[in-house]
C-alpha atoms as a PDB file:
ATOM      1  CA  MET A   1      66.254  69.391 104.697  1.00  0.00           C
ATOM      2  CA  LYS A   2      69.363  67.764 106.171  1.00  0.00           C
ATOM      3  CA  ILE A   3      69.131  64.760 103.853  1.00  0.00           C
ATOM      4  CA  LEU A   4      69.126  67.139 100.873  1.00  0.00           C
ATOM      5  CA  ARG A   5      72.261  68.794 102.216  1.00  0.00           C
ATOM      6  CA  VAL A   6      73.894  65.380 102.657  1.00  0.00           C
ATOM      7  CA  ILE A   7      73.060  64.487  99.056  1.00  0.00           C
ATOM      8  CA  HIS A   8      74.292  67.876  97.797  1.00  0.00           C
ATOM      9  CA  THR A   9      77.527  67.530  99.758  1.00  0.00           C
ATOM     10  CA  SER A  10      78.163  63.973  98.576  1.00  0.00           C
ATOM     11  CA  TYR A  11      77.558  65.088  95.013  1.00  0.00           C
ATOM     12  CA  GLY A  12      79.932  68.034  95.546  1.00  0.00           C
ATOM     13  CA  VAL A  13      82.711  65.754  96.806  1.00  0.00           C
ATOM     14  CA  LEU A  14      82.213  63.499  93.783  1.00  0.00           C
ATOM     15  CA  VAL A  15      82.403  66.485  91.409  1.00  0.00           C
ATOM     16  CA  PHE A  16      85.559  67.722  93.162  1.00  0.00           C
ATOM     17  CA  ALA A  17      87.212  64.301  92.772  1.00  0.00           C
ATOM     18  CA  ILE A  18      86.226  63.850  89.119  1.00  0.00           C
ATOM     19  CA  LEU A  19      87.465  67.327  88.186  1.00  0.00           C
ATOM     20  CA  PHE A  20      90.740  66.665  89.988  1.00  0.00           C
ATOM     21  CA  LEU A  21      91.292  63.406  88.104  1.00  0.00           C
ATOM     22  CA  LEU A  22      90.516  65.118  84.802  1.00  0.00           C
ATOM     23  CA  LEU A  23      92.856  68.035  85.514  1.00  0.00           C
ATOM     24  CA  PHE A  24      95.649  66.056  87.178  1.00  0.00           C
ATOM     25  CA  PRO A  25      97.497  65.312  83.892  1.00  0.00           C
ATOM     26  CA  PHE A  26      97.681  69.057  83.242  1.00  0.00           C
ATOM     27  CA  LEU A  27      98.903  69.693  86.796  1.00  0.00           C
ATOM     28  CA  LEU A  28     101.804  67.367  86.066  1.00  0.00           C
ATOM     29  CA  ILE A  29     103.183  69.972  83.642  1.00  0.00           C
ATOM     30  CA  PRO A  30     104.224  72.491  86.337  1.00  0.00           C
ATOM     31  CA  ILE A  31     105.300  69.592  88.581  1.00  0.00           C
ATOM     32  CA  ILE A  32     107.674  68.230  85.926  1.00  0.00           C
ATOM     33  CA  PHE A  33     108.603  71.658  84.548  1.00  0.00           C
ATOM     34  CA  PRO A  34     108.719  74.085  87.521  1.00  0.00           C
ATOM     35  CA  SER A  35     109.330  77.048  85.198  1.00  0.00           C
ATOM     36  CA  GLN A  36     105.696  76.637  84.095  1.00  0.00           C
ATOM     37  CA  TYR A  37     104.419  77.454  87.587  1.00  0.00           C
ATOM     38  CA  LYS A  38     101.892  79.978  86.238  1.00  0.00           C
ATOM     39  CA  LEU A  39      99.867  77.040  84.905  1.00  0.00           C
ATOM     40  CA  THR A  40      99.082  76.179  88.539  1.00  0.00           C
ATOM     41  CA  GLY A  41      97.002  79.336  88.940  1.00  0.00           C
ATOM     42  CA  ILE A  42      95.319  78.909  85.556  1.00  0.00           C
ATOM     43  CA  ILE A  43      94.314  75.308  86.262  1.00  0.00           C
ATOM     44  CA  ASN A  44      93.181  76.149  89.808  1.00  0.00           C
ATOM     45  CA  ARG A  45      90.988  78.928  88.418  1.00  0.00           C
ATOM     46  CA  TRP A  46      89.215  76.619  85.965  1.00  0.00           C
ATOM     47  CA  TRP A  47      88.924  73.917  88.585  1.00  0.00           C
ATOM     48  CA  ALA A  48      87.230  76.335  91.000  1.00  0.00           C
ATOM     49  CA  ARG A  49      84.870  77.700  88.356  1.00  0.00           C
ATOM     50  CA  LEU A  50      83.839  74.271  87.117  1.00  0.00           C
ATOM     51  CA  LEU A  51      83.349  73.010  90.668  1.00  0.00           C
ATOM     52  CA  LEU A  52      81.009  75.873  91.610  1.00  0.00           C
ATOM     53  CA  PHE A  53      79.152  75.594  88.302  1.00  0.00           C
ATOM     54  CA  PHE A  54      78.486  71.882  88.673  1.00  0.00           C
ATOM     55  CA  VAL A  55      77.448  72.131  92.345  1.00  0.00           C
ATOM     56  CA  PHE A  56      75.014  74.931  91.419  1.00  0.00           C
ATOM     57  CA  ILE A  57      76.580  77.681  93.536  1.00  0.00           C
ATOM     58  CA  PRO A  58      76.593  81.066  91.752  1.00  0.00           C
ATOM     59  CA  PHE A  59      79.656  83.187  92.441  1.00  0.00           C
ATOM     60  CA  ARG A  60      80.886  86.747  92.038  1.00  0.00           C
ATOM     61  CA  VAL A  61      84.495  87.900  91.992  1.00  0.00           C
ATOM     62  CA  GLU A  62      84.904  91.586  92.833  1.00  0.00           C
ATOM     63  CA  TYR A  63      88.081  93.669  92.560  1.00  0.00           C
ATOM     64  CA  ARG A  64      88.244  97.051  94.276  1.00  0.00           C
ATOM     65  CA  LYS A  65      91.383  97.626  92.225  1.00  0.00           C
ATOM     66  CA  LYS A  66      92.834  95.166  89.739  1.00  0.00           C
ATOM     67  CA  PRO A  67      96.359  93.979  90.659  1.00  0.00           C
ATOM     68  CA  ASP A  68      99.116  94.938  88.250  1.00  0.00           C
ATOM     69  CA  PRO A  69      99.941  91.770  86.231  1.00  0.00           C
ATOM     70  CA  LYS A  70     103.601  92.829  86.198  1.00  0.00           C
ATOM     71  CA  LYS A  71     103.864  92.859  90.010  1.00  0.00           C
ATOM     72  CA  GLN A  72     103.887  90.199  92.730  1.00  0.00           C
ATOM     73  CA  TYR A  73     101.463  90.106  95.632  1.00  0.00           C
ATOM     74  CA  ILE A  74     100.599  88.255  98.799  1.00  0.00           C
ATOM     75  CA  PHE A  75      96.840  87.654  98.956  1.00  0.00           C
ATOM     76  CA  CYS A  76      95.441  87.383 102.493  1.00  0.00           C
ATOM     77  CA  PRO A  77      91.877  86.011 102.783  1.00  0.00           C
ATOM     78  CA  ASN A  78      89.841  85.398 105.928  1.00  0.00           C
ATOM     79  CA  HIS A  79      89.330  81.692 106.611  1.00  0.00           C
ATOM     80  CA  PHE A  80      86.033  80.280 107.923  1.00  0.00           C
ATOM     81  CA  SER A  81      85.467  77.293 105.628  1.00  0.00           C
ATOM     82  CA  TYR A  82      87.169  74.618 103.544  1.00  0.00           C
ATOM     83  CA  MET A  83      85.391  76.248 100.609  1.00  0.00           C
ATOM     84  CA  ASP A  84      87.812  79.178 100.972  1.00  0.00           C
ATOM     85  CA  ILE A  85      90.576  77.328  99.112  1.00  0.00           C
ATOM     86  CA  PRO A  86      88.720  76.933  95.792  1.00  0.00           C
ATOM     87  CA  THR A  87      87.276  80.416  96.335  1.00  0.00           C
ATOM     88  CA  ALA A  88      90.762  81.918  96.548  1.00  0.00           C
ATOM     89  CA  GLY A  89      91.518  79.948  93.381  1.00  0.00           C
ATOM     90  CA  LEU A  90      88.974  82.092  91.514  1.00  0.00           C
ATOM     91  CA  ASN A  91      91.557  84.872  91.560  1.00  0.00           C
ATOM     92  CA  HIS A  92      92.327  86.151  88.058  1.00  0.00           C
ATOM     93  CA  TYR A  93      95.930  86.516  89.205  1.00  0.00           C
ATOM     94  CA  ASN A  94      98.031  83.323  89.234  1.00  0.00           C
ATOM     95  CA  THR A  95      99.197  82.246  92.694  1.00  0.00           C
ATOM     96  CA  ILE A  96     100.374  79.334  94.793  1.00  0.00           C
ATOM     97  CA  PHE A  97      99.110  78.548  98.292  1.00  0.00           C
ATOM     98  CA  VAL A  98     100.783  78.316 101.669  1.00  0.00           C
ATOM     99  CA  GLY A  99      98.682  75.855 103.677  1.00  0.00           C
ATOM    100  CA  LYS A 100      98.587  73.157 106.340  1.00  0.00           C
ATOM    101  CA  ASN A 101     100.527  69.972 105.673  1.00  0.00           C
ATOM    102  CA  GLU A 102      97.535  67.775 106.606  1.00  0.00           C
ATOM    103  CA  ILE A 103      96.426  68.174 102.983  1.00  0.00           C
ATOM    104  CA  GLN A 104      99.393  66.039 101.920  1.00  0.00           C
ATOM    105  CA  LYS A 105      97.761  63.020 103.558  1.00  0.00           C
ATOM    106  CA  ILE A 106      95.062  62.921 100.860  1.00  0.00           C
ATOM    107  CA  PRO A 107      96.032  60.319  98.231  1.00  0.00           C
ATOM    108  CA  LEU A 108      97.217  61.808  94.916  1.00  0.00           C
ATOM    109  CA  PHE A 109      95.735  65.234  95.733  1.00  0.00           C
ATOM    110  CA  GLY A 110      98.246  65.545  98.582  1.00  0.00           C
ATOM    111  CA  TYR A 111     101.091  64.682  96.225  1.00  0.00           C
ATOM    112  CA  MET A 112     100.008  67.421  93.827  1.00  0.00           C
ATOM    113  CA  TYR A 113      99.549  69.961  96.621  1.00  0.00           C
ATOM    114  CA  GLY A 114     102.924  69.231  98.179  1.00  0.00           C
ATOM    115  CA  LYS A 115     104.690  69.604  94.826  1.00  0.00           C
ATOM    116  CA  LEU A 116     103.006  72.795  93.639  1.00  0.00           C
ATOM    117  CA  HIS A 117     102.300  74.627  96.876  1.00  0.00           C
ATOM    118  CA  ILE A 118     104.008  75.274 100.217  1.00  0.00           C
ATOM    119  CA  THR A 119     102.898  73.284 103.255  1.00  0.00           C
ATOM    120  CA  VAL A 120     103.487  73.899 106.936  1.00  0.00           C
ATOM    121  CA  ASP A 121     102.955  72.058 110.218  1.00  0.00           C
ATOM    122  CA  ARG A 122     102.150  74.946 112.531  1.00  0.00           C
ATOM    123  CA  ASN A 123     102.818  72.774 115.595  1.00  0.00           C
ATOM    124  CA  LYS A 124     106.495  72.431 114.681  1.00  0.00           C
ATOM    125  CA  LEU A 125     108.911  75.342 114.859  1.00  0.00           C
ATOM    126  CA  LYS A 126     111.208  73.847 112.211  1.00  0.00           C
ATOM    127  CA  SER A 127     108.306  73.413 109.775  1.00  0.00           C
ATOM    128  CA  ARG A 128     107.178  77.010 110.310  1.00  0.00           C
ATOM    129  CA  TYR A 129     110.714  78.235 109.675  1.00  0.00           C
ATOM    130  CA  THR A 130     111.019  76.086 106.549  1.00  0.00           C
ATOM    131  CA  SER A 131     107.701  77.322 105.158  1.00  0.00           C
ATOM    132  CA  VAL A 132     108.775  80.949 105.581  1.00  0.00           C
ATOM    133  CA  LYS A 133     112.102  80.170 103.896  1.00  0.00           C
ATOM    134  CA  ARG A 134     110.326  78.445 101.000  1.00  0.00           C
ATOM    135  CA  SER A 135     107.868  81.343 100.719  1.00  0.00           C
ATOM    136  CA  LEU A 136     110.720  83.844 100.455  1.00  0.00           C
ATOM    137  CA  GLU A 137     112.348  81.659  97.795  1.00  0.00           C
ATOM    138  CA  ALA A 138     109.035  81.414  95.904  1.00  0.00           C
ATOM    139  CA  VAL A 139     108.803  85.204  95.811  1.00  0.00           C
ATOM    140  CA  ASP A 140     112.385  85.336  94.493  1.00  0.00           C
ATOM    141  CA  GLU A 141     111.255  82.947  91.733  1.00  0.00           C
ATOM    142  CA  GLY A 142     108.559  85.422  90.688  1.00  0.00           C
ATOM    143  CA  LYS A 143     105.579  83.711  92.332  1.00  0.00           C
ATOM    144  CA  SER A 144     102.693  85.357  94.155  1.00  0.00           C
ATOM    145  CA  LEU A 145     101.276  83.708  97.268  1.00  0.00           C
ATOM    146  CA  VAL A 146      97.953  83.077  98.988  1.00  0.00           C
ATOM    147  CA  ILE A 147      98.426  82.961 102.759  1.00  0.00           C
ATOM    148  CA  PHE A 148      95.507  82.667 105.181  1.00  0.00           C
ATOM    149  CA  PRO A 149      96.752  84.984 107.956  1.00  0.00           C
ATOM    150  CA  GLU A 150      94.665  83.300 110.658  1.00  0.00           C
ATOM    151  CA  GLY A 151      96.767  80.168 110.120  1.00  0.00           C
ATOM    152  CA  GLY A 152      93.720  77.958 109.571  1.00  0.00           C
ATOM    153  CA  VAL A 153      90.041  77.841 110.478  1.00  0.00           C
ATOM    154  CA  VAL A 154      90.442  78.980 114.067  1.00  0.00           C
ATOM    155  CA  THR A 155      87.409  81.162 114.763  1.00  0.00           C
ATOM    156  CA  GLU A 156      85.039  80.147 117.552  1.00  0.00           C
ATOM    157  CA  ARG A 157      82.235  82.404 116.355  1.00  0.00           C
ATOM    158  CA  ASP A 158      81.327  82.847 112.692  1.00  0.00           C
ATOM    159  CA  PRO A 159      82.006  85.180 111.012  1.00  0.00           C
ATOM    160  CA  VAL A 160      84.536  86.649 113.472  1.00  0.00           C
ATOM    161  CA  MET A 161      88.175  86.282 112.484  1.00  0.00           C
ATOM    162  CA  GLY A 162      90.873  84.816 114.701  1.00  0.00           C
ATOM    163  CA  ARG A 163      94.078  86.672 115.413  1.00  0.00           C
ATOM    164  CA  PHE A 164      96.423  87.117 112.474  1.00  0.00           C
ATOM    165  CA  LYS A 165      99.860  85.527 112.506  1.00  0.00           C
ATOM    166  CA  ASP A 166     102.914  87.476 111.401  1.00  0.00           C
ATOM    167  CA  GLY A 167     104.191  85.283 108.546  1.00  0.00           C
ATOM    168  CA  ALA A 168     102.459  86.854 105.534  1.00  0.00           C
ATOM    169  CA  PHE A 169     103.279  90.364 106.668  1.00  0.00           C
ATOM    170  CA  ARG A 170     106.925  89.662 107.440  1.00  0.00           C
ATOM    171  CA  ILE A 171     107.371  88.103 103.995  1.00  0.00           C
ATOM    172  CA  ALA A 172     105.667  91.041 102.263  1.00  0.00           C
ATOM    173  CA  ILE A 173     107.844  93.565 104.095  1.00  0.00           C
ATOM    174  CA  GLU A 174     111.087  91.639 103.642  1.00  0.00           C
ATOM    175  CA  LYS A 175     110.431  91.354  99.899  1.00  0.00           C
ATOM    176  CA  GLN A 176     108.781  94.795  99.633  1.00  0.00           C
ATOM    177  CA  ILE A 177     105.737  93.449  97.794  1.00  0.00           C
ATOM    178  CA  ALA A 178     102.132  94.493  98.272  1.00  0.00           C
ATOM    179  CA  ILE A 179      99.536  92.763 100.423  1.00  0.00           C
ATOM    180  CA  VAL A 180      96.026  92.285  99.031  1.00  0.00           C
ATOM    181  CA  PRO A 181      93.323  91.845 101.704  1.00  0.00           C
ATOM    182  CA  VAL A 182      90.657  89.388 100.543  1.00  0.00           C
ATOM    183  CA  THR A 183      87.181  89.139 102.058  1.00  0.00           C
ATOM    184  CA  ILE A 184      85.182  85.914 101.655  1.00  0.00           C
ATOM    185  CA  PRO A 185      81.931  86.797 103.438  1.00  0.00           C
ATOM    186  CA  TYR A 186      79.559  83.849 102.955  1.00  0.00           C
ATOM    187  CA  ASN A 187      81.520  80.596 102.894  1.00  0.00           C
ATOM    188  CA  TRP A 188      80.830  79.989 106.584  1.00  0.00           C
ATOM    189  CA  ILE A 189      77.195  79.613 105.501  1.00  0.00           C
ATOM    190  CA  ILE A 190      77.848  77.609 102.325  1.00  0.00           C
ATOM    191  CA  LEU A 191      80.163  75.027 103.932  1.00  0.00           C
ATOM    192  CA  PRO A 192      80.458  75.394 107.722  1.00  0.00           C
ATOM    193  CA  ALA A 193      83.782  74.036 108.963  1.00  0.00           C
ATOM    194  CA  ASP A 194      82.145  72.270 111.919  1.00  0.00           C
ATOM    195  CA  GLN A 195      79.429  70.537 109.824  1.00  0.00           C
ATOM    196  CA  PHE A 196      80.895  69.906 106.349  1.00  0.00           C
ATOM    197  CA  LEU A 197      77.424  70.004 104.803  1.00  0.00           C
ATOM    198  CA  LEU A 198      76.729  72.252 101.825  1.00  0.00           C
ATOM    199  CA  HIS A 199      74.053  74.898 102.167  1.00  0.00           C
ATOM    200  CA  TRP A 200      73.003  76.733  99.016  1.00  0.00           C
ATOM    201  CA  HIS A 201      73.943  80.401  99.060  1.00  0.00           C
ATOM    202  CA  PRO A 202      75.597  82.675  96.464  1.00  0.00           C
ATOM    203  CA  LEU A 203      79.366  82.864  96.885  1.00  0.00           C
ATOM    204  CA  LYS A 204      81.262  86.127  96.843  1.00  0.00           C
ATOM    205  CA  VAL A 205      84.931  87.075  97.074  1.00  0.00           C
ATOM    206  CA  ILE A 206      86.258  90.641  97.282  1.00  0.00           C
ATOM    207  CA  PHE A 207      89.847  91.512  96.431  1.00  0.00           C
ATOM    208  CA  HIS A 208      90.635  94.831  98.057  1.00  0.00           C
ATOM    209  CA  GLU A 209      93.048  97.480  96.892  1.00  0.00           C
ATOM    210  CA  PRO A 210      96.680  96.357  97.299  1.00  0.00           C
ATOM    211  CA  ILE A 211      98.573  97.798 100.274  1.00  0.00           C
ATOM    212  CA  GLU A 212     102.119  98.731  99.337  1.00  0.00           C
ATOM    213  CA  THR A 213     104.975  97.826 101.678  1.00  0.00           C
ATOM    214  CA  THR A 214     107.710  99.884 100.026  1.00  0.00           C
ATOM    215  CA  GLY A 215     109.784 101.513 102.728  1.00  0.00           C
ATOM    216  CA  LEU A 216     108.271  99.492 105.574  1.00  0.00           C
ATOM    217  CA  THR A 217     110.498  97.605 108.009  1.00  0.00           C
ATOM    218  CA  LEU A 218     109.834  94.629 110.254  1.00  0.00           C
ATOM    219  CA  GLN A 219     108.903  97.091 112.987  1.00  0.00           C
ATOM    220  CA  ASP A 220     105.793  97.836 110.906  1.00  0.00           C
ATOM    221  CA  VAL A 221     104.519  94.228 110.938  1.00  0.00           C
ATOM    222  CA  ASP A 222     101.907  94.863 113.637  1.00  0.00           C
ATOM    223  CA  SER A 223     100.512  98.028 112.048  1.00  0.00           C
ATOM    224  CA  LEU A 224     100.310  96.345 108.621  1.00  0.00           C
ATOM    225  CA  LYS A 225      98.636  93.313 110.168  1.00  0.00           C
ATOM    226  CA  GLU A 226      96.078  95.525 111.943  1.00  0.00           C
ATOM    227  CA  LYS A 227      95.337  97.454 108.751  1.00  0.00           C
ATOM    228  CA  VAL A 228      94.631  94.284 106.773  1.00  0.00           C
ATOM    229  CA  PHE A 229      92.516  92.869 109.609  1.00  0.00           C
ATOM    230  CA  ARG A 230      90.444  96.066 109.784  1.00  0.00           C
ATOM    231  CA  ILE A 231      89.781  96.155 106.025  1.00  0.00           C
ATOM    232  CA  ILE A 232      88.554  92.551 105.945  1.00  0.00           C
ATOM    233  CA  ASP A 233      86.586  92.880 109.190  1.00  0.00           C
ATOM    234  CA  GLU A 234      84.747  96.007 108.059  1.00  0.00           C
ATOM    235  CA  GLU A 235      83.820  94.319 104.778  1.00  0.00           C
ATOM    236  CA  LEU A 236      82.562  91.240 106.633  1.00  0.00           C
ATOM    237  CA  LYS A 237      80.349  93.436 108.804  1.00  0.00           C
ATOM    238  CA  ARG A 238      78.964  95.326 105.790  1.00  0.00           C
ATOM    239  CA  ASN A 239      78.004  92.061 104.108  1.00  0.00           C
ATOM    240  CA  LEU A 240      76.548  90.647 107.325  1.00  0.00           C
ATOM    241  CA  ALA A 241      74.345  93.720 107.749  1.00  0.00           C
ATOM    242  CA  ASN A 242      72.689  92.984 104.397  1.00  0.00           C
ATOM    243  CA  LEU A 243      72.377  89.255 104.998  1.00  0.00           C
ATOM    244  CA  HIS A 244      68.961  87.581 105.126  1.00  0.00           C
ATOM    245  CA  ILE A 245      69.157  83.887 105.947  1.00  0.00           C
ATOM    246  CA  PRO A 246      67.063  81.516 108.069  1.00  0.00           C
ATOM    247  CA  THR A 247      67.475  81.572 111.840  1.00  0.00           C
ATOM    248  CA  ASN A 248      68.505  77.914 111.850  1.00  0.00           C
ATOM    249  CA  ILE A 249      71.682  78.984 110.010  1.00  0.00           C
ATOM    250  CA  ILE A 250      72.445  82.123 112.000  1.00  0.00           C
ATOM    251  CA  ASN A 251      71.731  82.640 115.679  1.00  0.00           C
ATOM    252  CA  ASN A 252      71.192  86.255 116.673  1.00  0.00           C
ATOM    253  CA  GLU A 253      74.170  88.067 115.111  1.00  0.00           C
ATOM    254  CA  TYR A 254      76.608  85.213 114.686  1.00  0.00           C
ATOM    255  CA  ARG A 255      76.670  81.426 114.798  1.00  0.00           C
ATOM    256  CA  SER A 256      78.775  80.023 117.625  1.00  0.00           C
ATOM    257  CA  ARG A 257      80.723  76.806 117.275  1.00  0.00           C
ATOM    258  CA  PRO A 258      80.594  74.078 119.896  1.00  0.00           C
ATOM    259  CA  ALA A 259      83.464  74.202 122.386  1.00  0.00           C
ATOM    260  CA  GLY A 260      86.307  71.895 121.426  1.00  0.00           C
END
């Protein structure tokens, strides 16, 4: 069984790389012409769809309420797996990502990511400040953002979220734009962060109803953060209750990660 997962994963990495090389010339358009930033979301969406199609993972995108195409949003997904990035790219609404700067170390891909998205080194105060500043500027430019509020894959027990950081919620309140909670319930099974081996399972992403921030102040950051956390957490638990997978993938209720 493990050898099949190794083969599937190796094939998936190859597909990812080939699709990137094929799409890279098109990604140069928004890099060279920043006013064409909406192409980033369009290309990401096709990239994600083609990737999942060719690695034989069926997917479903569910909207509890469709975002208004005339408005801007900050999308906040839970984060248990590296598969969450292409999953968030399935969004029908064009966005850019705010993510860790380690991605920039990947040859060519890192160049593209650094040019089109916003990166942050969460271990450096100056980098965190700069990423918030750039995020505020991106909103002023008309862009919508994807921000993983946990700040990375930090959970010690799947699928239990880590604590949310303030950044996404402060930006949403300062710019008075809505937050969209996003639940990705099964990626911790499909591509566990501590194994990096694909396991076949249908993929699902739920975009919840937008939460308006009009009239909120920075004193409301904690209550907004708690509301988003609760919405995602309750959806995760509903999906877990209906989950039927082998015991070698899930242990009792949740799968624990090794310490360290």
